[in-house]
Every structure is written in C-alpha cells, then in structure tokens.
C-alpha cells in the first residue's frame, strides 16, 4: 500500500486487483444500508464520474473528511437558524383571513 500524503482511495476492480485514484474533493454524504458513504469527485475526471465510497476505501483522506464534516455542520447550523428566523417572521405577520372575518367577512367563502 502506498503511504503518499495526498488524498487517494483504493477501489476494488472487477478482478482481484485494486486501483488507486486521487480524490479531488468530497461532494456529498449519505447513509446507505446503515453505512456512511461519501460522494467523491476524482481528480482529472468529470463530475459525471463521481462515485459513492465507503470510508474504508478512502485512505489518507481523514483531513478532507473532517473538513467536509465541519462544513456540513456549519451549513446545518446556519440552515437551522434561517428556518427559525423564518418561523419567527411568520408569527409576526397578521393572519389576513382572521382579519377579514373580523371586518365583516371579506375573503370568506360563501
């Protein structure tokens, strides 16, 4: 096994050999059958060639995985704050249907 300092993955081929590919970036994360997989963008390949890989195939990518996890965590926190702010703003808006009913039935169905 190669101990290079670059990010790479060992992917089993159809035969009994394994091929090393350099990882350009991690593009996604999913849980499939209880196993975490990361969407990998391969260096020198199109995004059409991205694949989902288990962590066990991603050798020497721990720093890249940690950076992706930190980015994901930050995104989720920001997203959560945004949705809370939206709910708070919605609670401040007057309910136009209730206001119409109080004024004498405008916009009420007959």
Protein backbone atom coordinates (compact mmCIF):
# COMPACT_ATOMS: atom_id res chain seq x y z
CA UNK A 1 0.00 0.00 0.00
CA UNK A 2 1.26 3.46 -0.86
CA UNK A 3 1.72 5.95 2.01
CA UNK A 4 1.63 9.16 -0.03
CA UNK A 5 0.47 12.33 1.70
CA UNK A 6 -2.13 13.13 -0.98
CA UNK A 7 -5.75 12.09 -0.68
CA UNK A 8 -6.49 8.89 -2.51
CA UNK A 9 -8.82 5.92 -2.49
CA UNK A 10 -8.32 2.27 -3.25
CA UNK A 11 -11.19 0.98 -5.34
CA UNK A 12 -11.61 -2.75 -5.91
CA UNK A 13 -11.72 -3.52 -9.61
CA UNK A 14 -13.80 -6.31 -11.11
CA UNK A 15 -10.80 -8.63 -10.82
CA UNK A 16 -8.68 -9.29 -7.78
CA UNK A 17 -6.67 -6.10 -8.05
CA UNK A 18 -7.16 -2.68 -6.51
CA UNK A 19 -6.54 0.65 -8.21
CA UNK A 20 -5.63 3.92 -6.50
CA UNK A 21 -7.34 7.14 -7.59
CA UNK A 22 -6.67 10.64 -6.31
CA UNK A 23 -9.56 12.36 -4.55
CA UNK A 24 -10.17 15.97 -5.58
CA UNK A 25 -12.98 16.72 -3.14
CA UNK A 26 -15.90 15.30 -1.20
CA UNK A 27 -19.21 16.43 -2.69
CA UNK A 28 -21.82 14.69 -0.56
CA UNK A 29 -22.64 12.29 2.24
CA UNK A 30 -25.32 9.65 2.63
CA UNK A 31 -26.28 6.70 4.80
CA UNK A 32 -26.93 3.57 2.76
CA UNK A 33 -27.89 0.32 4.48
CA UNK A 34 -26.54 1.74 7.74
CA UNK A 35 -23.13 2.57 6.23
CA UNK A 36 -21.81 6.11 5.74
CA UNK A 37 -20.74 6.86 2.18
CA UNK A 38 -19.20 9.99 0.71
CA UNK A 39 -19.66 11.26 -2.83
CA UNK A 40 -16.19 11.60 -4.31
CA UNK A 41 -15.04 13.92 -7.10
CA UNK A 42 -11.98 12.27 -8.64
CA UNK A 43 -9.02 14.39 -9.73
CA UNK A 44 -8.78 14.51 -13.52
CA UNK A 45 -12.33 13.19 -14.03
CA UNK A 46 -15.66 14.83 -14.77
CA UNK A 47 -18.33 15.22 -12.08
CA UNK A 48 -20.27 12.65 -14.12
CA UNK A 49 -17.68 10.14 -12.87
CA UNK A 50 -18.32 10.91 -9.18
CA UNK A 51 -18.93 7.80 -7.09
CA UNK A 52 -20.20 6.99 -3.59
CA UNK A 53 -17.47 5.41 -1.49
CA UNK A 54 -17.38 3.85 1.95
CA UNK A 55 -14.95 5.32 4.44
CA UNK A 56 -12.87 2.13 4.37
CA UNK A 57 -11.97 2.86 0.71
CA UNK A 58 -10.87 6.43 1.43
CA UNK A 59 -7.27 6.11 2.50
CA UNK A 60 -5.35 9.10 3.77
CA UNK A 61 -8.47 11.28 3.40
CA UNK A 62 -9.17 11.84 7.12
CA UNK A 63 -8.37 15.57 6.92
CA UNK A 64 -10.56 16.01 3.86
CA UNK A 65 -13.41 14.10 5.52
CA UNK A 66 -13.07 16.21 8.70
CA UNK A 67 -13.14 19.43 6.67
CA UNK A 68 -16.27 18.24 4.86
CA UNK A 69 -17.95 17.27 8.16
CA UNK A 70 -17.12 20.69 9.66
CA UNK A 71 -18.52 22.43 6.57
CA UNK A 72 -21.67 20.29 6.76
CA UNK A 73 -22.11 21.02 10.46
CA UNK A 74 -21.73 24.77 9.87
CA UNK A 75 -24.24 24.64 6.99
CA UNK A 76 -26.78 22.78 9.12
CA UNK A 77 -26.42 25.30 11.97
CA UNK A 78 -26.89 28.21 9.56
CA UNK A 79 -29.84 26.48 7.91
CA UNK A 80 -31.44 25.82 11.28
CA UNK A 81 -31.06 29.48 12.28
CA UNK A 82 -32.57 30.61 8.99
CA UNK A 83 -35.62 28.36 9.38
CA UNK A 84 -36.11 29.57 12.97
CA UNK A 85 -35.93 33.18 11.80
CA UNK A 86 -38.49 32.43 9.08
CA UNK A 87 -40.88 30.90 11.63
CA UNK A 88 -40.47 33.92 13.89
CA UNK A 89 -41.18 36.29 11.00
CA UNK A 90 -44.25 34.25 10.02
CA UNK A 91 -45.57 34.50 13.56
CA UNK A 92 -45.29 38.31 13.38
CA UNK A 93 -47.37 38.57 10.19
CA UNK A 94 -51.07 39.25 10.65
CA UNK A 95 -53.36 36.44 9.66
CA UNK A 96 -55.23 38.05 6.75
CA UNK A 97 -58.09 35.55 6.83
CA UNK A 98 -58.80 36.20 10.51
CA UNK A 99 -58.59 39.95 9.96
CA UNK A 100 -61.03 39.71 7.03
CA UNK A 101 -63.55 37.76 9.08
CA UNK A 102 -63.37 40.35 11.85
CA UNK A 103 -64.06 43.13 9.31
CA UNK A 104 -67.26 41.57 8.15
CA UNK A 105 -66.46 38.60 6.02
CA UNK A 106 -64.24 39.81 3.20
CA UNK A 107 -62.50 36.89 1.51
CA UNK A 108 -64.70 34.42 3.38
CA UNK A 109 -66.09 31.56 1.36
CA UNK A 110 -69.86 31.60 0.99
